[in-house]
Structures are given as C-alpha cells and as structure tokens.
Amino acid sequence: MLPDALSFEQGAAVPVNYATAWAALHGYGSLRAGERVLIHAAAGGVGIAAVQFAKAAKAEVHGTASPQKHQKLAEFGVDRAIDYRRDGWWQGLGPYDVVLDALGGTSLRRSYTLLRPGGRLVGYGISNMQHGEKRSMRRVAPHALSMLRGFNLMKQLEESKTVIGLNMLRLWDDRRTLEPWIAPLTKALNDGTILPIVHAIVPFAEAPEAHRILAARENVGKVVLVP
C-alpha cells in the first residue's frame, strides 16, 4: 500500500531503486551505525536511495558524482561528495566498510582496493559498459576484460574482504530472501525516513528523452515513464 503522502510517480521508484538500495546496503552489505560507506553514482536513482538509507543508519556517507550534483548530495546529507571525473580521485580515500558499485568493469577492482579488512563490496550494475547512446568497443573492452578476469580468491581470503554480486531480477521470485526486507522498507516509507526522489516524469511517447537523460547522467533520482 502506497503511503498517502507519496505520489504514484514516487511509488514507481520504490520497487527497483529503493529495494535495490536496501538489499545492497543492509541485505548484503550489513551496514552498521558508525561505518563508512562509499556510494558510486550517488545521485542516480539507486544511489540517492542508498544515501537516504545509509544516513538513516547513522553511517558516514561518501558519494561519487559530477560536480554540478555535489550541492544536491550535500542537501541529502552526504558527508563527502567526490568528483569521479578528476584524475586520481580515489587517492587518499578509504578505507571503507562498504562500497556500492553500480559502474562495474575496472571500477570494481578500484572499489575493492578501497575496502578495509572485513569490508564488503556490493556490485549491482555495469553502467561503465552502457554509458552513452553509442557504444565504443575501445571504451567497453577494458571493462569487459576486467570483469571476465574476476577476483583472486586467495587474495580475498588473505585480506579478509568480501565481493558480492546483486541482481534483483534473480531475487524477485525468492520470497525467503525478499520477505525479511519488505517490513523495514515499508516502515521507512511510512514514517518518512526515506522520500523517493523523482528527477523527471516523461510520457511514454517521449521515451527517447528519458533514455537521453539517463545516458547523459543528468538525473538526480528516478526518471519515471507515464502513459
């Protein structure tokens, strides 16, 4: 049941964005109060949801985004906004207890290096391999090769770090996994702990514009298609 205070468009952001953020942070990331979390693409639909959940959990939140979105992230309580376009942006960061990575490719390995011993890396996207309206093999190839090589399990054991993959499409029919997450997610919606953020409402007839917004990474929050 959608809370009275939320619009249908805001409700459309919940099943994918907020469920994914909850699963990544709490279901798999086991985030605890006082821990430090890095959220890649923090201004995106899942990213902004993860920011809200992480702040509600009293974590220290860092997020990557383009500079024009940093002020908006600060308004949502992000403790440190990071310009991922700056060369060597990762230098001097960390260590992190949890890293959420929606980028995939070479970003996953970099995210892994930012974990502390006992840290958890949750990967749930491959936007580095999908960015833009036209795909370049020169751009995609390094990311694809990095993911195909995988992680060194012996190194993970030695460093006591965890790498977790999350694909919500694989979990929709798994009631045993999903049901424990529904109650806290519903409570957070009902008591106002989280507020679904909608960047744009776009008619189906203008669907290419929605894709353009996402491809250009202009959005802060969810882009919703309506009839």
Protein backbone atom coordinates (compact mmCIF):
# COMPACT_ATOMS: atom_id res chain seq x y z
CA MET A 1 0.00 0.00 0.00
CA LEU A 2 1.42 3.38 -1.05
CA PRO A 3 1.51 5.93 1.79
CA ASP A 4 -0.93 8.82 1.27
CA ALA A 5 1.90 11.35 1.26
CA LEU A 6 3.54 9.80 -1.81
CA SER A 7 2.55 10.27 -5.44
CA PHE A 8 2.19 7.34 -7.81
CA GLU A 9 5.32 8.57 -9.58
CA GLN A 10 7.26 8.43 -6.30
CA GLY A 11 5.84 4.97 -5.70
CA ALA A 12 7.24 3.87 -9.06
CA ALA A 13 10.73 4.50 -7.71
CA VAL A 14 10.33 2.06 -4.83
CA PRO A 15 10.26 -1.49 -6.32
CA VAL A 16 13.55 -1.20 -8.20
CA ASN A 17 15.55 1.70 -6.80
CA TYR A 18 14.76 1.53 -3.12
CA ALA A 19 14.54 -2.26 -2.97
CA THR A 20 17.95 -2.49 -4.65
CA ALA A 21 19.46 0.09 -2.31
CA TRP A 22 18.11 -1.72 0.76
CA ALA A 23 19.33 -5.09 -0.49
CA ALA A 24 22.80 -3.71 -1.26
CA LEU A 25 23.28 -1.80 2.00
CA HIS A 26 21.52 -3.99 4.52
CA GLY A 27 20.65 -7.31 2.91
CA TYR A 28 24.16 -7.96 1.60
CA GLY A 29 26.30 -5.06 2.84
CA SER A 30 25.30 -5.49 6.51
CA LEU A 31 25.85 -1.77 7.12
CA ARG A 32 26.11 -0.76 10.78
CA ALA A 33 25.96 2.59 12.57
CA GLY A 34 29.27 4.44 12.53
CA GLU A 35 30.62 2.62 9.49
CA ARG A 36 31.92 4.43 6.42
CA VAL A 37 30.27 3.75 3.07
CA LEU A 38 31.17 4.82 -0.48
CA ILE A 39 28.29 5.01 -2.95
CA HIS A 40 29.18 5.28 -6.63
CA ALA A 41 26.74 7.21 -8.84
CA ALA A 42 25.30 8.62 -5.62
CA ALA A 43 22.91 10.99 -7.40
CA GLY A 44 21.29 8.28 -9.53
CA GLY A 45 18.03 6.53 -8.76
CA VAL A 46 19.53 3.73 -6.65
CA GLY A 47 22.35 5.96 -5.43
CA ILE A 48 20.12 8.61 -3.87
CA ALA A 49 18.04 5.86 -2.27
CA ALA A 50 21.20 4.32 -0.80
CA VAL A 51 22.26 7.73 0.53
CA GLN A 52 18.96 8.05 2.41
CA PHE A 53 19.19 4.55 3.88
CA ALA A 54 22.84 5.00 4.86
CA LYS A 55 22.17 8.31 6.63
CA ALA A 56 19.21 6.75 8.43
CA ALA A 57 21.59 4.01 9.61
CA LYS A 58 23.92 6.71 11.02
CA ALA A 59 26.77 5.82 8.68
CA GLU A 60 29.41 8.18 7.32
CA VAL A 61 28.47 8.58 3.66
CA HIS A 62 30.77 9.43 0.76
CA GLY A 63 29.45 9.53 -2.80
CA THR A 64 30.79 9.95 -6.32
CA ALA A 65 29.04 12.27 -8.76
CA SER A 66 29.76 15.04 -11.24
CA PRO A 67 30.50 18.43 -9.60
CA GLN A 68 27.16 20.01 -10.55
CA LYS A 69 25.39 17.44 -8.36
CA HIS A 70 27.53 17.90 -5.24
CA GLN A 71 25.34 20.59 -3.69
CA LYS A 72 22.28 18.37 -4.06
CA LEU A 73 24.13 15.46 -2.43
CA ALA A 74 25.10 17.72 0.47
CA GLU A 75 21.41 18.56 0.94
CA PHE A 76 20.74 14.84 1.32
CA GLY A 77 23.42 14.59 3.99
CA VAL A 78 26.37 13.19 2.03
CA ASP A 79 29.44 13.84 4.17
CA ARG A 80 31.86 13.95 1.25
CA ALA A 81 30.98 14.35 -2.43
CA ILE A 82 33.71 13.14 -4.79
CA ASP A 83 34.28 14.24 -8.38
CA TYR A 84 34.85 10.96 -10.21
CA ARG A 85 35.98 12.85 -13.31
CA ARG A 86 39.10 14.12 -11.57
CA ASP A 87 42.26 12.13 -12.29
CA GLY A 88 43.25 10.01 -9.31
CA TRP A 89 40.06 10.87 -7.41
CA TRP A 90 40.41 7.70 -5.34
CA GLN A 91 43.81 8.60 -3.92
CA GLY A 92 43.71 9.27 -0.20
CA LEU A 93 40.20 7.87 0.22
CA GLY A 94 39.11 5.00 2.42
CA PRO A 95 39.30 2.62 3.94
CA TYR A 96 35.60 1.86 3.63
CA ASP A 97 33.45 -0.68 5.41
CA VAL A 98 31.00 -0.89 2.50
CA VAL A 99 31.28 0.16 -1.16
CA LEU A 100 28.27 0.11 -3.50
CA ASP A 101 29.37 -0.06 -7.14
CA ALA A 102 26.88 0.42 -9.97
CA LEU A 103 29.63 1.07 -12.51
CA GLY A 104 31.21 -2.35 -12.98
CA GLY A 105 34.23 -3.01 -15.15
CA THR A 106 37.52 -1.57 -13.92
CA SER A 107 35.67 0.34 -11.19
CA LEU A 108 35.05 -2.90 -9.28
CA ARG A 109 38.76 -3.55 -8.83
CA ARG A 110 39.39 0.02 -7.72
CA SER A 111 36.49 -0.20 -5.28
CA TYR A 112 37.99 -3.39 -3.87
CA THR A 113 41.26 -1.62 -3.08
CA LEU A 114 39.35 0.97 -1.05
CA LEU A 115 37.93 -1.63 1.37
CA ARG A 116 39.30 -2.13 4.84
CA PRO A 117 39.86 -5.70 6.11
CA GLY A 118 36.37 -7.03 6.75
CA GLY A 119 34.91 -4.64 4.17
CA ARG A 120 32.10 -5.54 1.77
CA LEU A 121 31.92 -4.59 -1.92
CA VAL A 122 28.46 -4.93 -3.47
CA GLY A 123 28.32 -4.67 -7.26
CA TYR A 124 24.89 -4.23 -8.83
CA GLY A 125 25.43 -2.61 -12.23
CA ILE A 126 27.64 -2.19 -15.28
CA SER A 127 26.93 1.39 -16.32
CA ASN A 128 30.56 1.89 -17.35
CA MET A 129 29.81 -0.52 -20.19
CA GLN A 130 26.49 1.08 -21.14
CA HIS A 131 27.14 4.81 -20.88
CA GLY A 132 26.09 6.97 -23.82
CA GLU A 133 23.81 6.42 -26.79
CA LYS A 134 26.63 4.93 -28.90
CA ARG A 135 28.86 2.17 -27.59
CA SER A 136 32.55 2.12 -28.38
CA MET A 137 34.42 -1.18 -28.28
CA ARG A 138 37.53 0.77 -27.34
CA ARG A 139 35.69 2.04 -24.27
CA VAL A 140 33.90 -1.19 -23.37
CA ALA A 141 36.75 -3.68 -23.89
CA PRO A 142 38.87 -2.82 -20.81
CA HIS A 143 35.82 -3.00 -18.55
CA ALA A 144 34.66 -6.31 -20.04
CA LEU A 145 38.12 -7.87 -19.74
CA SER A 146 38.45 -6.69 -16.15
CA MET A 147 35.19 -8.39 -15.17
CA LEU A 148 35.98 -11.59 -17.07
CA ARG A 149 39.26 -11.95 -15.20
CA GLY A 150 37.36 -11.94 -11.92
CA PHE A 151 38.85 -11.62 -8.45
CA ASN A 152 41.70 -13.55 -6.86
CA LEU A 153 40.05 -15.66 -4.17
CA MET A 154 43.34 -16.32 -2.40
CA LYS A 155 43.88 -12.57 -2.12
CA GLN A 156 40.35 -12.12 -0.77
CA LEU A 157 41.00 -14.74 1.89
CA GLU A 158 44.30 -13.14 2.83
CA GLU A 159 42.84 -9.62 3.00
CA SER A 160 39.52 -10.68 4.57
CA LYS A 161 37.41 -8.75 2.07
CA THR A 162 34.04 -9.69 0.58
CA VAL A 163 32.82 -9.19 -3.00
CA ILE A 164 29.08 -9.65 -3.57
CA GLY A 165 27.06 -9.50 -6.79
CA LEU A 166 23.46 -8.30 -6.67
CA ASN A 167 20.87 -8.77 -9.43
CA MET A 168 17.35 -8.03 -8.20
CA LEU A 169 15.83 -9.79 -11.22
CA ARG A 170 17.20 -13.04 -9.77
CA LEU A 171 15.54 -12.36 -6.43
CA TRP A 172 12.00 -11.23 -7.33
CA ASP A 173 10.59 -14.76 -7.02
CA ASP A 174 12.69 -15.69 -3.98
CA ARG A 175 10.22 -14.99 -1.17
CA ARG A 176 12.55 -16.34 1.50
CA THR A 177 15.13 -13.68 0.62
CA LEU A 178 12.77 -10.78 -0.09
CA GLU A 179 10.24 -11.05 2.72
CA PRO A 180 12.60 -10.04 5.57
CA TRP A 181 13.39 -6.85 3.63
CA ILE A 182 9.79 -5.79 2.95
CA ALA A 183 8.81 -4.80 6.51
CA PRO A 184 11.75 -2.43 7.21
CA LEU A 185 11.47 -0.93 3.73
CA THR A 186 7.74 -0.32 4.20
CA LYS A 187 8.32 1.17 7.65
CA ALA A 188 10.94 3.56 6.29
CA LEU A 189 8.46 4.75 3.67
CA ASN A 190 5.58 5.12 6.10
CA ASP A 191 7.48 7.01 8.78
CA GLY A 192 9.19 9.36 6.34
CA THR A 193 12.71 8.05 6.93
CA ILE A 194 13.09 7.90 3.16
CA LEU A 195 11.45 10.00 0.46
CA PRO A 196 11.54 8.68 -3.11
CA ILE A 197 13.13 11.30 -5.35
CA VAL A 198 11.82 11.73 -8.90
CA HIS A 199 14.02 13.73 -11.28
CA ALA A 200 11.65 13.75 -14.25
CA ILE A 201 8.25 12.42 -15.31
CA VAL A 202 8.30 11.58 -19.02
CA PRO A 203 5.38 10.37 -21.19
CA PHE A 204 5.82 7.01 -22.94
CA ALA A 205 5.61 8.83 -26.26
CA GLU A 206 8.80 10.67 -25.32
CA ALA A 207 10.69 7.64 -24.02
CA PRO A 208 13.83 8.52 -26.01
CA GLU A 209 14.12 11.67 -23.89
CA ALA A 210 14.13 9.55 -20.74
CA HIS A 211 16.92 7.44 -22.19
CA ARG A 212 18.83 10.60 -23.12
CA ILE A 213 18.61 11.92 -19.55
CA LEU A 214 19.95 8.66 -18.17
CA ALA A 215 22.66 8.30 -20.81
CA ALA A 216 23.85 11.85 -20.15
CA ARG A 217 23.73 11.21 -16.39
CA GLU A 218 21.71 14.36 -15.84
CA ASN A 219 19.34 12.88 -13.29
CA VAL A 220 19.29 13.24 -9.54
CA GLY A 221 16.88 10.47 -8.59
CA LYS A 222 14.45 8.42 -10.66
CA VAL A 223 13.24 9.06 -14.21
CA VAL A 224 9.64 7.81 -14.42
CA LEU A 225 7.73 6.94 -17.61
CA VAL A 226 3.96 7.52 -17.58
CA PRO A 227 1.15 6.86 -20.12
